[in-house]
Amino acid sequence: MKLALPMRESESGFVSATEVEERVIGLMESEEGKMIRERTVGMKIAAKVASSEGRSSRVALSKLVESWKDK
C-alpha cells in the first residue's frame, strides 16, 4: 500500500517528538506526502466500494458469518 512513514527510533526503542514533528511536516508539505495523501484517498474509495452491498468484502463477511452458523 505504501502508506507508512519510516521513523527513526532511539536506542531505547522510542520515537522522539522531534522525529514525529519532522515526519508530520514532511507529510503535509512534501511531494512524497502529497502522493501518500492521494493513495490514502484512493484506498478509502476502494474500501467503500468493496464494503458495498454485493461487493467482495461484504460477500466474504457474509460467508464467514454463515460458516459460523453452520457449526
PDB file of N, CA and C in Angstrom:
ATOM      1  N   MET A   1       0.818  -1.196   0.000  1.00  0.00           N
ATOM      2  CA  MET A   1       0.000   0.000   0.000  1.00  0.00           C
ATOM      3  C   MET A   1       0.858   1.255   0.000  1.00  0.00           C
ATOM      4  N   LYS A   2       2.045   1.153   0.537  1.00  0.00           N
ATOM      5  CA  LYS A   2       2.990   2.267   0.567  1.00  0.00           C
ATOM      6  C   LYS A   2       2.403   3.513   1.237  1.00  0.00           C
ATOM      7  N   LEU A   3       1.839   3.308   2.427  1.00  0.00           N
ATOM      8  CA  LEU A   3       1.280   4.418   3.185  1.00  0.00           C
ATOM      9  C   LEU A   3       2.059   4.698   4.460  1.00  0.00           C
ATOM     10  N   ALA A   4       3.027   3.873   4.782  1.00  0.00           N
ATOM     11  CA  ALA A   4       3.772   4.009   6.031  1.00  0.00           C
ATOM     12  C   ALA A   4       4.832   5.094   5.930  1.00  0.00           C
ATOM     13  N   LEU A   5       5.095   5.730   7.055  1.00  0.00           N
ATOM     14  CA  LEU A   5       6.173   6.706   7.152  1.00  0.00           C
ATOM     15  C   LEU A   5       7.259   6.120   8.037  1.00  0.00           C
ATOM     16  N   PRO A   6       8.468   6.000   7.531  1.00  0.00           N
ATOM     17  CA  PRO A   6       9.538   5.457   8.371  1.00  0.00           C
ATOM     18  C   PRO A   6       9.887   6.427   9.500  1.00  0.00           C
ATOM     19  N   MET A   7      10.135   5.888  10.671  1.00  0.00           N
ATOM     20  CA  MET A   7      10.510   6.697  11.834  1.00  0.00           C
ATOM     21  C   MET A   7      11.805   6.148  12.408  1.00  0.00           C
ATOM     22  N   ARG A   8      12.687   7.043  12.816  1.00  0.00           N
ATOM     23  CA  ARG A   8      13.937   6.627  13.467  1.00  0.00           C
ATOM     24  C   ARG A   8      13.676   6.482  14.967  1.00  0.00           C
ATOM     25  N   GLU A   9      14.003   5.316  15.479  1.00  0.00           N
ATOM     26  CA  GLU A   9      13.852   5.057  16.910  1.00  0.00           C
ATOM     27  C   GLU A   9      15.137   5.413  17.634  1.00  0.00           C
ATOM     28  N   SER A  10      14.995   5.785  18.897  1.00  0.00           N
ATOM     29  CA  SER A  10      16.176   5.981  19.732  1.00  0.00           C
ATOM     30  C   SER A  10      16.681   4.609  20.171  1.00  0.00           C
ATOM     31  N   GLU A  11      17.793   4.579  20.861  1.00  0.00           N
ATOM     32  CA  GLU A  11      18.331   3.304  21.345  1.00  0.00           C
ATOM     33  C   GLU A  11      17.367   2.610  22.293  1.00  0.00           C
ATOM     34  N   SER A  12      16.525   3.386  22.969  1.00  0.00           N
ATOM     35  CA  SER A  12      15.561   2.808  23.906  1.00  0.00           C
ATOM     36  C   SER A  12      14.318   2.268  23.201  1.00  0.00           C
ATOM     37  N   GLY A  13      14.234   2.471  21.872  1.00  0.00           N
ATOM     38  CA  GLY A  13      13.105   1.948  21.112  1.00  0.00           C
ATOM     39  C   GLY A  13      11.956   2.919  20.953  1.00  0.00           C
ATOM     40  N   PHE A  14      12.122   4.135  21.445  1.00  0.00           N
ATOM     41  CA  PHE A  14      11.065   5.136  21.338  1.00  0.00           C
ATOM     42  C   PHE A  14      11.344   6.094  20.188  1.00  0.00           C
ATOM     43  N   VAL A  15      10.302   6.737  19.709  1.00  0.00           N
ATOM     44  CA  VAL A  15      10.419   7.758  18.671  1.00  0.00           C
ATOM     45  C   VAL A  15      10.246   9.109  19.354  1.00  0.00           C
ATOM     46  N   SER A  16      11.165  10.023  19.084  1.00  0.00           N
ATOM     47  CA  SER A  16      11.121  11.328  19.748  1.00  0.00           C
ATOM     48  C   SER A  16      10.022  12.211  19.170  1.00  0.00           C
ATOM     49  N   ALA A  17       9.599  13.183  19.951  1.00  0.00           N
ATOM     50  CA  ALA A  17       8.603  14.155  19.494  1.00  0.00           C
ATOM     51  C   ALA A  17       9.124  14.922  18.286  1.00  0.00           C
ATOM     52  N   THR A  18      10.414  15.208  18.272  1.00  0.00           N
ATOM     53  CA  THR A  18      11.019  15.916  17.143  1.00  0.00           C
ATOM     54  C   THR A  18      10.904  15.088  15.869  1.00  0.00           C
ATOM     55  N   GLU A  19      11.156  13.793  15.975  1.00  0.00           N
ATOM     56  CA  GLU A  19      11.043  12.900  14.817  1.00  0.00           C
ATOM     57  C   GLU A  19       9.611  12.883  14.290  1.00  0.00           C
ATOM     58  N   VAL A  20       8.641  12.774  15.194  1.00  0.00           N
ATOM     59  CA  VAL A  20       7.234  12.773  14.786  1.00  0.00           C
ATOM     60  C   VAL A  20       6.889  14.099  14.111  1.00  0.00           C
ATOM     61  N   GLU A  21       7.343  15.197  14.704  1.00  0.00           N
ATOM     62  CA  GLU A  21       7.083  16.521  14.132  1.00  0.00           C
ATOM     63  C   GLU A  21       7.644  16.625  12.712  1.00  0.00           C
ATOM     64  N   GLU A  22       8.880  16.176  12.521  1.00  0.00           N
ATOM     65  CA  GLU A  22       9.505  16.232  11.195  1.00  0.00           C
ATOM     66  C   GLU A  22       8.719  15.410  10.176  1.00  0.00           C
ATOM     67  N   ARG A  23       8.257  14.234  10.570  1.00  0.00           N
ATOM     68  CA  ARG A  23       7.501  13.372   9.653  1.00  0.00           C
ATOM     69  C   ARG A  23       6.142  13.980   9.311  1.00  0.00           C
ATOM     70  N   VAL A  24       5.474  14.573  10.291  1.00  0.00           N
ATOM     71  CA  VAL A  24       4.172  15.197  10.031  1.00  0.00           C
ATOM     72  C   VAL A  24       4.337  16.391   9.097  1.00  0.00           C
ATOM     73  N   ILE A  25       5.339  17.219   9.353  1.00  0.00           N
ATOM     74  CA  ILE A  25       5.597  18.363   8.475  1.00  0.00           C
ATOM     75  C   ILE A  25       5.927  17.873   7.068  1.00  0.00           C
ATOM     76  N   GLY A  26       6.756  16.844   6.976  1.00  0.00           N
ATOM     77  CA  GLY A  26       7.089  16.275   5.675  1.00  0.00           C
ATOM     78  C   GLY A  26       5.862  15.739   4.953  1.00  0.00           C
ATOM     79  N   LEU A  27       4.980  15.096   5.703  1.00  0.00           N
ATOM     80  CA  LEU A  27       3.756  14.556   5.123  1.00  0.00           C
ATOM     81  C   LEU A  27       2.873  15.675   4.576  1.00  0.00           C
ATOM     82  N   MET A  28       2.835  16.780   5.272  1.00  0.00           N
ATOM     83  CA  MET A  28       1.966  17.881   4.866  1.00  0.00           C
ATOM     84  C   MET A  28       2.562  18.738   3.751  1.00  0.00           C
ATOM     85  N   GLU A  29       3.882  18.811   3.657  1.00  0.00           N
ATOM     86  CA  GLU A  29       4.499  19.773   2.748  1.00  0.00           C
ATOM     87  C   GLU A  29       5.250  19.173   1.559  1.00  0.00           C
ATOM     88  N   SER A  30       5.630  17.914   1.622  1.00  0.00           N
ATOM     89  CA  SER A  30       6.486  17.355   0.570  1.00  0.00           C
ATOM     90  C   SER A  30       5.672  16.746  -0.571  1.00  0.00           C
ATOM     91  N   GLU A  31       6.346  16.526  -1.675  1.00  0.00           N
ATOM     92  CA  GLU A  31       5.731  15.848  -2.822  1.00  0.00           C
ATOM     93  C   GLU A  31       5.390  14.404  -2.448  1.00  0.00           C
ATOM     94  N   GLU A  32       6.282  13.758  -1.681  1.00  0.00           N
ATOM     95  CA  GLU A  32       6.003  12.394  -1.214  1.00  0.00           C
ATOM     96  C   GLU A  32       4.741  12.380  -0.351  1.00  0.00           C
ATOM     97  N   GLY A  33       4.596  13.386   0.507  1.00  0.00           N
ATOM     98  CA  GLY A  33       3.401  13.492   1.340  1.00  0.00           C
ATOM     99  C   GLY A  33       2.141  13.634   0.507  1.00  0.00           C
ATOM    100  N   LYS A  34       2.237  14.416  -0.561  1.00  0.00           N
ATOM    101  CA  LYS A  34       1.090  14.590  -1.460  1.00  0.00           C
ATOM    102  C   LYS A  34       0.705  13.254  -2.088  1.00  0.00           C
ATOM    103  N   MET A  35       1.708  12.481  -2.518  1.00  0.00           N
ATOM    104  CA  MET A  35       1.434  11.178  -3.120  1.00  0.00           C
ATOM    105  C   MET A  35       0.818  10.219  -2.103  1.00  0.00           C
ATOM    106  N   ILE A  36       1.289  10.260  -0.860  1.00  0.00           N
ATOM    107  CA  ILE A  36       0.730   9.403   0.193  1.00  0.00           C
ATOM    108  C   ILE A  36      -0.722   9.781   0.452  1.00  0.00           C
ATOM    109  N   ARG A  37      -1.007  11.083   0.509  1.00  0.00           N
ATOM    110  CA  ARG A  37      -2.392  11.520   0.730  1.00  0.00           C
ATOM    111  C   ARG A  37      -3.295  11.070  -0.418  1.00  0.00           C
ATOM    112  N   GLU A  38      -2.801  11.159  -1.653  1.00  0.00           N
ATOM    113  CA  GLU A  38      -3.587  10.715  -2.807  1.00  0.00           C
ATOM    114  C   GLU A  38      -3.847   9.212  -2.746  1.00  0.00           C
ATOM    115  N   ARG A  39      -2.838   8.421  -2.363  1.00  0.00           N
ATOM    116  CA  ARG A  39      -3.025   6.971  -2.226  1.00  0.00           C
ATOM    117  C   ARG A  39      -4.032   6.663  -1.119  1.00  0.00           C
ATOM    118  N   THR A  40      -3.985   7.443  -0.043  1.00  0.00           N
ATOM    119  CA  THR A  40      -4.908   7.235   1.069  1.00  0.00           C
ATOM    120  C   THR A  40      -6.347   7.446   0.612  1.00  0.00           C
ATOM    121  N   VAL A  41      -6.583   8.499  -0.145  1.00  0.00           N
ATOM    122  CA  VAL A  41      -7.929   8.757  -0.670  1.00  0.00           C
ATOM    123  C   VAL A  41      -8.358   7.612  -1.585  1.00  0.00           C
ATOM    124  N   GLY A  42      -7.448   7.137  -2.422  1.00  0.00           N
ATOM    125  CA  GLY A  42      -7.757   6.008  -3.298  1.00  0.00           C
ATOM    126  C   GLY A  42      -8.121   4.759  -2.516  1.00  0.00           C
ATOM    127  N   MET A  43      -7.391   4.490  -1.437  1.00  0.00           N
ATOM    128  CA  MET A  43      -7.685   3.324  -0.603  1.00  0.00           C
ATOM    129  C   MET A  43      -9.038   3.479   0.084  1.00  0.00           C
ATOM    130  N   LYS A  44      -9.365   4.691   0.504  1.00  0.00           N
ATOM    131  CA  LYS A  44     -10.658   4.955   1.143  1.00  0.00           C
ATOM    132  C   LYS A  44     -11.794   4.637   0.174  1.00  0.00           C
ATOM    133  N   ILE A  45     -11.657   5.096  -1.056  1.00  0.00           N
ATOM    134  CA  ILE A  45     -12.685   4.845  -2.066  1.00  0.00           C
ATOM    135  C   ILE A  45     -12.797   3.349  -2.352  1.00  0.00           C
ATOM    136  N   ALA A  46     -11.659   2.674  -2.507  1.00  0.00           N
ATOM    137  CA  ALA A  46     -11.664   1.235  -2.784  1.00  0.00           C
ATOM    138  C   ALA A  46     -12.309   0.454  -1.641  1.00  0.00           C
ATOM    139  N   ALA A  47     -12.032   0.848  -0.407  1.00  0.00           N
ATOM    140  CA  ALA A  47     -12.621   0.168   0.751  1.00  0.00           C
ATOM    141  C   ALA A  47     -14.129   0.373   0.789  1.00  0.00           C
ATOM    142  N   LYS A  48     -14.565   1.576   0.453  1.00  0.00           N
ATOM    143  CA  LYS A  48     -16.003   1.862   0.445  1.00  0.00           C
ATOM    144  C   LYS A  48     -16.706   1.016  -0.614  1.00  0.00           C
ATOM    145  N   VAL A  49     -16.106   0.911  -1.791  1.00  0.00           N
ATOM    146  CA  VAL A  49     -16.686   0.097  -2.863  1.00  0.00           C
ATOM    147  C   VAL A  49     -16.721  -1.371  -2.445  1.00  0.00           C
ATOM    148  N   ALA A  50     -15.623  -1.872  -1.893  1.00  0.00           N
ATOM    149  CA  ALA A  50     -15.538  -3.287  -1.517  1.00  0.00           C
ATOM    150  C   ALA A  50     -16.534  -3.659  -0.432  1.00  0.00           C
ATOM    151  N   SER A  51     -16.901  -2.692   0.411  1.00  0.00           N
ATOM    152  CA  SER A  51     -17.828  -2.998   1.503  1.00  0.00           C
ATOM    153  C   SER A  51     -19.283  -2.708   1.138  1.00  0.00           C
ATOM    154  N   SER A  52     -19.538  -2.298  -0.102  1.00  0.00           N
ATOM    155  CA  SER A  52     -20.906  -2.054  -0.562  1.00  0.00           C
ATOM    156  C   SER A  52     -21.657  -3.375  -0.701  1.00  0.00           C
ATOM    157  N   GLU A  53     -22.975  -3.303  -0.685  1.00  0.00           N
ATOM    158  CA  GLU A  53     -23.828  -4.484  -0.823  1.00  0.00           C
ATOM    159  C   GLU A  53     -23.457  -5.279  -2.073  1.00  0.00           C
ATOM    160  N   GLY A  54     -23.194  -6.570  -1.895  1.00  0.00           N
ATOM    161  CA  GLY A  54     -22.882  -7.452  -3.013  1.00  0.00           C
ATOM    162  C   GLY A  54     -21.435  -7.408  -3.482  1.00  0.00           C
ATOM    163  N   ARG A  55     -20.603  -6.598  -2.859  1.00  0.00           N
ATOM    164  CA  ARG A  55     -19.204  -6.481  -3.281  1.00  0.00           C
ATOM    165  C   ARG A  55     -18.333  -7.418  -2.455  1.00  0.00           C
ATOM    166  N   SER A  56     -17.049  -7.499  -2.785  1.00  0.00           N
ATOM    167  CA  SER A  56     -16.152  -8.537  -2.269  1.00  0.00           C
ATOM    168  C   SER A  56     -16.087  -8.628  -0.745  1.00  0.00           C
ATOM    169  N   SER A  57     -15.905  -7.523  -0.056  1.00  0.00           N
ATOM    170  CA  SER A  57     -15.776  -7.581   1.406  1.00  0.00           C
ATOM    171  C   SER A  57     -17.085  -7.992   2.063  1.00  0.00           C
ATOM    172  N   ARG A  58     -18.182  -7.481   1.563  1.00  0.00           N
ATOM    173  CA  ARG A  58     -19.492  -7.813   2.127  1.00  0.00           C
ATOM    174  C   ARG A  58     -19.794  -9.292   1.908  1.00  0.00           C
ATOM    175  N   VAL A  59     -19.497  -9.800   0.716  1.00  0.00           N
ATOM    176  CA  VAL A  59     -19.732 -11.215   0.404  1.00  0.00           C
ATOM    177  C   VAL A  59     -18.848 -12.098   1.287  1.00  0.00           C
ATOM    178  N   ALA A  60     -17.579 -11.740   1.420  1.00  0.00           N
ATOM    179  CA  ALA A  60     -16.656 -12.530   2.241  1.00  0.00           C
ATOM    180  C   ALA A  60     -17.109 -12.552   3.697  1.00  0.00           C
ATOM    181  N   LEU A  61     -17.556 -11.420   4.215  1.00  0.00           N
ATOM    182  CA  LEU A  61     -18.029 -11.360   5.596  1.00  0.00           C
ATOM    183  C   LEU A  61     -19.289 -12.207   5.767  1.00  0.00           C
ATOM    184  N   SER A  62     -20.187 -12.146   4.811  1.00  0.00           N
ATOM    185  CA  SER A  62     -21.408 -12.957   4.874  1.00  0.00           C
ATOM    186  C   SER A  62     -21.083 -14.445   4.883  1.00  0.00           C
ATOM    187  N   LYS A  63     -20.127 -14.859   4.052  1.00  0.00           N
ATOM    188  CA  LYS A  63     -19.714 -16.265   4.024  1.00  0.00           C
ATOM    189  C   LYS A  63     -19.117 -16.688   5.361  1.00  0.00           C
ATOM    190  N   LEU A  64     -18.331 -15.815   5.970  1.00  0.00           N
ATOM    191  CA  LEU A  64     -17.737 -16.117   7.268  1.00  0.00           C
ATOM    192  C   LEU A  64     -18.821 -16.303   8.322  1.00  0.00           C
ATOM    193  N   VAL A  65     -19.783 -15.398   8.356  1.00  0.00           N
ATOM    194  CA  VAL A  65     -20.877 -15.491   9.326  1.00  0.00           C
ATOM    195  C   VAL A  65     -21.664 -16.779   9.106  1.00  0.00           C
ATOM    196  N   GLU A  66     -21.947 -17.109   7.864  1.00  0.00           N
ATOM    197  CA  GLU A  66     -22.680 -18.341   7.567  1.00  0.00           C
ATOM    198  C   GLU A  66     -21.901 -19.574   8.018  1.00  0.00           C
ATOM    199  N   SER A  67     -20.579 -19.553   7.857  1.00  0.00           N
ATOM    200  CA  SER A  67     -19.773 -20.701   8.290  1.00  0.00           C
ATOM    201  C   SER A  67     -19.827 -20.866   9.803  1.00  0.00           C
ATOM    202  N   TRP A  68     -19.947 -19.758  10.529  1.00  0.00           N
ATOM    203  CA  TRP A  68     -20.067 -19.842  11.986  1.00  0.00           C
ATOM    204  C   TRP A  68     -21.428 -20.416  12.376  1.00  0.00           C
ATOM    205  N   LYS A  69     -22.451 -20.056  11.630  1.00  0.00           N
ATOM    206  CA  LYS A  69     -23.800 -20.547  11.928  1.00  0.00           C
ATOM    207  C   LYS A  69     -23.892 -22.054  11.713  1.00  0.00           C
ATOM    208  N   ASP A  70     -23.136 -22.571  10.746  1.00  0.00           N
ATOM    209  CA  ASP A  70     -23.169 -23.998  10.421  1.00  0.00           C
ATOM    210  C   ASP A  70     -22.518 -24.861  11.495  1.00  0.00           C
ATOM    211  N   LYS A  71     -21.742 -24.279  12.373  1.00  0.00           N
ATOM    212  CA  LYS A  71     -21.023 -25.071  13.387  1.00  0.00           C
ATOM    213  C   LYS A  71     -21.854 -25.346  14.595  1.00  0.00           C
TER     214      LYS A  71
END
